[in-house]
């Protein structure tokens, strides 16, 4: 999985899945500075309710 692609897809759909959130949490230690900033921004958007935790329908 790619954090940049995940971020853009979450922004576009307004949804992030629990499995994707788990992936971000598990791989956080291996992120570059830019990826860490992206993950932080993603978390803030979830906290603000701009991105919902759920599932995407195909």
PDB file of N, CA and C in Angstrom:
ATOM      1  N   UNK A   1       0.850  -1.169   0.000  1.00  0.00           N
ATOM      2  CA  UNK A   1       0.000   0.000   0.000  1.00  0.00           C
ATOM      3  C   UNK A   1       0.899   1.236   0.000  1.00  0.00           C
ATOM      4  N   UNK A   2       0.395   2.311  -0.500  1.00  0.00           N
ATOM      5  CA  UNK A   2       1.133   3.556  -0.618  1.00  0.00           C
ATOM      6  C   UNK A   2       0.367   4.642   0.141  1.00  0.00           C
ATOM      7  N   UNK A   3       1.029   5.334   1.045  1.00  0.00           N
ATOM      8  CA  UNK A   3       0.358   6.332   1.872  1.00  0.00           C
ATOM      9  C   UNK A   3      -0.188   7.486   1.037  1.00  0.00           C
ATOM     10  N   UNK A   4       0.556   7.922   0.043  1.00  0.00           N
ATOM     11  CA  UNK A   4       0.076   9.017  -0.807  1.00  0.00           C
ATOM     12  C   UNK A   4      -1.205   8.656  -1.527  1.00  0.00           C
ATOM     13  N   UNK A   5      -1.237   7.452  -2.087  1.00  0.00           N
ATOM     14  CA  UNK A   5      -2.441   6.985  -2.785  1.00  0.00           C
ATOM     15  C   UNK A   5      -3.599   6.837  -1.812  1.00  0.00           C
ATOM     16  N   UNK A   6      -3.326   6.298  -0.632  1.00  0.00           N
ATOM     17  CA  UNK A   6      -4.351   6.142   0.395  1.00  0.00           C
ATOM     18  C   UNK A   6      -4.913   7.505   0.803  1.00  0.00           C
ATOM     19  N   UNK A   7      -4.037   8.476   0.986  1.00  0.00           N
ATOM     20  CA  UNK A   7      -4.464   9.823   1.373  1.00  0.00           C
ATOM     21  C   UNK A   7      -5.377  10.420   0.309  1.00  0.00           C
ATOM     22  N   UNK A   8      -4.961  10.340  -0.954  1.00  0.00           N
ATOM     23  CA  UNK A   8      -5.764  10.923  -2.032  1.00  0.00           C
ATOM     24  C   UNK A   8      -7.107  10.222  -2.174  1.00  0.00           C
ATOM     25  N   UNK A   9      -7.120   8.903  -2.036  1.00  0.00           N
ATOM     26  CA  UNK A   9      -8.375   8.161  -2.144  1.00  0.00           C
ATOM     27  C   UNK A   9      -9.306   8.505  -0.980  1.00  0.00           C
ATOM     28  N   UNK A  10      -8.747   8.668   0.200  1.00  0.00           N
ATOM     29  CA  UNK A  10      -9.553   9.034   1.364  1.00  0.00           C
ATOM     30  C   UNK A  10     -10.125  10.434   1.226  1.00  0.00           C
ATOM     31  N   UNK A  11      -9.356  11.345   0.693  1.00  0.00           N
ATOM     32  CA  UNK A  11      -9.833  12.712   0.463  1.00  0.00           C
ATOM     33  C   UNK A  11     -10.958  12.697  -0.574  1.00  0.00           C
ATOM     34  N   UNK A  12     -10.764  11.925  -1.650  1.00  0.00           N
ATOM     35  CA  UNK A  12     -11.741  11.890  -2.737  1.00  0.00           C
ATOM     36  C   UNK A  12     -13.063  11.256  -2.306  1.00  0.00           C
ATOM     37  N   UNK A  13     -12.991  10.197  -1.504  1.00  0.00           N
ATOM     38  CA  UNK A  13     -14.208   9.481  -1.116  1.00  0.00           C
ATOM     39  C   UNK A  13     -14.768   9.931   0.222  1.00  0.00           C
ATOM     40  N   UNK A  14     -13.932  10.519   1.060  1.00  0.00           N
ATOM     41  CA  UNK A  14     -14.362  10.910   2.396  1.00  0.00           C
ATOM     42  C   UNK A  14     -14.423   9.741   3.361  1.00  0.00           C
ATOM     43  N   UNK A  15     -13.793   8.608   2.979  1.00  0.00           N
ATOM     44  CA  UNK A  15     -13.853   7.391   3.797  1.00  0.00           C
ATOM     45  C   UNK A  15     -12.468   6.763   3.887  1.00  0.00           C
ATOM     46  N   UNK A  16     -12.156   6.229   5.058  1.00  0.00           N
ATOM     47  CA  UNK A  16     -10.965   5.402   5.245  1.00  0.00           C
ATOM     48  C   UNK A  16     -11.425   4.147   5.981  1.00  0.00           C
ATOM     49  N   UNK A  17     -10.936   3.001   5.559  1.00  0.00           N
ATOM     50  CA  UNK A  17     -11.378   1.747   6.157  1.00  0.00           C
ATOM     51  C   UNK A  17     -10.559   1.434   7.412  1.00  0.00           C
ATOM     52  N   UNK A  18     -11.103   0.625   8.292  1.00  0.00           N
ATOM     53  CA  UNK A  18     -10.342   0.222   9.480  1.00  0.00           C
ATOM     54  C   UNK A  18      -9.033  -0.484   9.113  1.00  0.00           C
ATOM     55  N   UNK A  19      -9.039  -1.288   8.059  1.00  0.00           N
ATOM     56  CA  UNK A  19      -7.812  -1.973   7.634  1.00  0.00           C
ATOM     57  C   UNK A  19      -6.752  -0.969   7.183  1.00  0.00           C
ATOM     58  N   UNK A  20      -7.172   0.092   6.519  1.00  0.00           N
ATOM     59  CA  UNK A  20      -6.229   1.126   6.088  1.00  0.00           C
ATOM     60  C   UNK A  20      -5.675   1.891   7.287  1.00  0.00           C
ATOM     61  N   UNK A  21      -6.524   2.166   8.256  1.00  0.00           N
ATOM     62  CA  UNK A  21      -6.050   2.836   9.477  1.00  0.00           C
ATOM     63  C   UNK A  21      -5.044   1.948  10.210  1.00  0.00           C
ATOM     64  N   UNK A  22      -5.322   0.653  10.268  1.00  0.00           N
ATOM     65  CA  UNK A  22      -4.387  -0.288  10.883  1.00  0.00           C
ATOM     66  C   UNK A  22      -3.053  -0.277  10.156  1.00  0.00           C
ATOM     67  N   UNK A  23      -3.101  -0.261   8.816  1.00  0.00           N
ATOM     68  CA  UNK A  23      -1.864  -0.255   8.022  1.00  0.00           C
ATOM     69  C   UNK A  23      -1.039   0.999   8.342  1.00  0.00           C
ATOM     70  N   UNK A  24      -1.697   2.147   8.433  1.00  0.00           N
ATOM     71  CA  UNK A  24      -0.988   3.390   8.750  1.00  0.00           C
ATOM     72  C   UNK A  24      -0.330   3.275  10.126  1.00  0.00           C
ATOM     73  N   UNK A  25      -1.074   2.778  11.106  1.00  0.00           N
ATOM     74  CA  UNK A  25      -0.532   2.661  12.465  1.00  0.00           C
ATOM     75  C   UNK A  25       0.640   1.693  12.537  1.00  0.00           C
ATOM     76  N   UNK A  26       0.531   0.562  11.849  1.00  0.00           N
ATOM     77  CA  UNK A  26       1.583  -0.457  11.886  1.00  0.00           C
ATOM     78  C   UNK A  26       2.859   0.018  11.188  1.00  0.00           C
ATOM     79  N   UNK A  27       2.717   0.744  10.092  1.00  0.00           N
ATOM     80  CA  UNK A  27       3.870   1.149   9.285  1.00  0.00           C
ATOM     81  C   UNK A  27       4.383   2.546   9.601  1.00  0.00           C
ATOM     82  N   UNK A  28       3.823   3.177  10.596  1.00  0.00           N
ATOM     83  CA  UNK A  28       4.180   4.552  10.940  1.00  0.00           C
ATOM     84  C   UNK A  28       5.676   4.720  11.204  1.00  0.00           C
ATOM     85  N   UNK A  29       6.275   3.754  11.812  1.00  0.00           N
ATOM     86  CA  UNK A  29       7.691   3.839  12.163  1.00  0.00           C
ATOM     87  C   UNK A  29       8.606   3.908  10.926  1.00  0.00           C
ATOM     88  N   UNK A  30       8.142   3.372   9.797  1.00  0.00           N
ATOM     89  CA  UNK A  30       8.952   3.336   8.583  1.00  0.00           C
ATOM     90  C   UNK A  30       8.715   4.520   7.651  1.00  0.00           C
ATOM     91  N   UNK A  31       7.820   5.437   8.025  1.00  0.00           N
ATOM     92  CA  UNK A  31       7.490   6.555   7.154  1.00  0.00           C
ATOM     93  C   UNK A  31       8.626   7.575   7.101  1.00  0.00           C
ATOM     94  N   UNK A  32       8.774   8.200   5.939  1.00  0.00           N
ATOM     95  CA  UNK A  32       9.689   9.335   5.802  1.00  0.00           C
ATOM     96  C   UNK A  32       9.042  10.542   6.490  1.00  0.00           C
ATOM     97  N   UNK A  33       9.751  11.639   6.545  1.00  0.00           N
ATOM     98  CA  UNK A  33       9.190  12.850   7.177  1.00  0.00           C
ATOM     99  C   UNK A  33       7.936  13.316   6.448  1.00  0.00           C
ATOM    100  N   UNK A  34       7.960  13.254   5.124  1.00  0.00           N
ATOM    101  CA  UNK A  34       6.809  13.693   4.337  1.00  0.00           C
ATOM    102  C   UNK A  34       5.624  12.760   4.573  1.00  0.00           C
ATOM    103  N   UNK A  35       5.886  11.466   4.610  1.00  0.00           N
ATOM    104  CA  UNK A  35       4.817  10.500   4.865  1.00  0.00           C
ATOM    105  C   UNK A  35       4.251  10.676   6.275  1.00  0.00           C
ATOM    106  N   UNK A  36       5.106  10.951   7.239  1.00  0.00           N
ATOM    107  CA  UNK A  36       4.643  11.175   8.610  1.00  0.00           C
ATOM    108  C   UNK A  36       3.733  12.400   8.679  1.00  0.00           C
ATOM    109  N   UNK A  37       4.094  13.451   7.953  1.00  0.00           N
ATOM    110  CA  UNK A  37       3.258  14.652   7.911  1.00  0.00           C
ATOM    111  C   UNK A  37       1.924  14.357   7.232  1.00  0.00           C
ATOM    112  N   UNK A  38       1.955  13.536   6.203  1.00  0.00           N
ATOM    113  CA  UNK A  38       0.724  13.146   5.509  1.00  0.00           C
ATOM    114  C   UNK A  38      -0.176  12.323   6.425  1.00  0.00           C
ATOM    115  N   UNK A  39       0.411  11.397   7.169  1.00  0.00           N
ATOM    116  CA  UNK A  39      -0.357  10.570   8.108  1.00  0.00           C
ATOM    117  C   UNK A  39      -0.967  11.449   9.201  1.00  0.00           C
ATOM    118  N   UNK A  40      -0.223  12.432   9.668  1.00  0.00           N
ATOM    119  CA  UNK A  40      -0.729  13.357  10.680  1.00  0.00           C
ATOM    120  C   UNK A  40      -1.911  14.152  10.138  1.00  0.00           C
ATOM    121  N   UNK A  41      -1.781  14.614   8.920  1.00  0.00           N
ATOM    122  CA  UNK A  41      -2.886  15.363   8.298  1.00  0.00           C
ATOM    123  C   UNK A  41      -4.117  14.474   8.125  1.00  0.00           C
ATOM    124  N   UNK A  42      -3.895  13.233   7.733  1.00  0.00           N
ATOM    125  CA  UNK A  42      -4.996  12.282   7.586  1.00  0.00           C
ATOM    126  C   UNK A  42      -5.714  12.087   8.920  1.00  0.00           C
ATOM    127  N   UNK A  43      -4.945  11.935   9.983  1.00  0.00           N
ATOM    128  CA  UNK A  43      -5.532  11.789  11.307  1.00  0.00           C
ATOM    129  C   UNK A  43      -6.326  13.008  11.733  1.00  0.00           C
ATOM    130  N   UNK A  44      -5.826  14.177  11.418  1.00  0.00           N
ATOM    131  CA  UNK A  44      -6.548  15.402  11.764  1.00  0.00           C
ATOM    132  C   UNK A  44      -7.863  15.510  11.007  1.00  0.00           C
ATOM    133  N   UNK A  45      -7.855  15.088   9.746  1.00  0.00           N
ATOM    134  CA  UNK A  45      -9.095  15.109   8.959  1.00  0.00           C
ATOM    135  C   UNK A  45     -10.118  14.130   9.516  1.00  0.00           C
ATOM    136  N   UNK A  46      -9.647  12.987  10.000  1.00  0.00           N
ATOM    137  CA  UNK A  46     -10.547  12.022  10.642  1.00  0.00           C
ATOM    138  C   UNK A  46     -11.096  12.630  11.938  1.00  0.00           C
ATOM    139  N   UNK A  47     -10.232  13.252  12.733  1.00  0.00           N
ATOM    140  CA  UNK A  47     -10.664  13.881  13.983  1.00  0.00           C
ATOM    141  C   UNK A  47     -11.713  14.964  13.757  1.00  0.00           C
ATOM    142  N   UNK A  48     -11.578  15.712  12.675  1.00  0.00           N
ATOM    143  CA  UNK A  48     -12.512  16.797  12.375  1.00  0.00           C
ATOM    144  C   UNK A  48     -13.798  16.306  11.718  1.00  0.00           C
ATOM    145  N   UNK A  49     -13.836  15.028  11.342  1.00  0.00           N
ATOM    146  CA  UNK A  49     -15.030  14.481  10.706  1.00  0.00           C
ATOM    147  C   UNK A  49     -15.085  14.680   9.205  1.00  0.00           C
ATOM    148  N   UNK A  50     -13.996  15.153   8.628  1.00  0.00           N
ATOM    149  CA  UNK A  50     -13.951  15.346   7.172  1.00  0.00           C
ATOM    150  C   UNK A  50     -13.801  14.008   6.448  1.00  0.00           C
ATOM    151  N   UNK A  51     -13.165  13.049   7.120  1.00  0.00           N
ATOM    152  CA  UNK A  51     -13.020  11.693   6.601  1.00  0.00           C
ATOM    153  C   UNK A  51     -13.645  10.762   7.634  1.00  0.00           C
ATOM    154  N   UNK A  52     -14.542   9.910   7.168  1.00  0.00           N
ATOM    155  CA  UNK A  52     -15.253   8.984   8.043  1.00  0.00           C
ATOM    156  C   UNK A  52     -14.602   7.618   8.022  1.00  0.00           C
ATOM    157  N   UNK A  53     -14.665   6.923   9.139  1.00  0.00           N
ATOM    158  CA  UNK A  53     -14.204   5.548   9.226  1.00  0.00           C
ATOM    159  C   UNK A  53     -15.341   4.651   8.756  1.00  0.00           C
ATOM    160  N   UNK A  54     -15.090   3.844   7.743  1.00  0.00           N
ATOM    161  CA  UNK A  54     -16.147   2.997   7.202  1.00  0.00           C
ATOM    162  C   UNK A  54     -15.646   2.128   6.082  1.00  0.00           C
ATOM    163  N   UNK A  55     -16.515   1.833   5.136  1.00  0.00           N
ATOM    164  CA  UNK A  55     -16.116   1.015   3.989  1.00  0.00           C
ATOM    165  C   UNK A  55     -16.533   1.726   2.704  1.00  0.00           C
ATOM    166  N   UNK A  56     -15.779   1.465   1.670  1.00  0.00           N
ATOM    167  CA  UNK A  56     -16.092   2.022   0.354  1.00  0.00           C
ATOM    168  C   UNK A  56     -16.867   0.985  -0.447  1.00  0.00           C
ATOM    169  N   UNK A  57     -17.885   1.411  -1.123  1.00  0.00           N
ATOM    170  CA  UNK A  57     -18.627   0.518  -1.987  1.00  0.00           C
ATOM    171  C   UNK A  57     -18.075   0.635  -3.395  1.00  0.00           C
ATOM    172  N   UNK A  58     -17.858  -0.501  -4.019  1.00  0.00           N
ATOM    173  CA  UNK A  58     -17.255  -0.555  -5.343  1.00  0.00           C
ATOM    174  C   UNK A  58     -18.053   0.154  -6.350  1.00  0.00           C
TER     175      UNK A  58
END
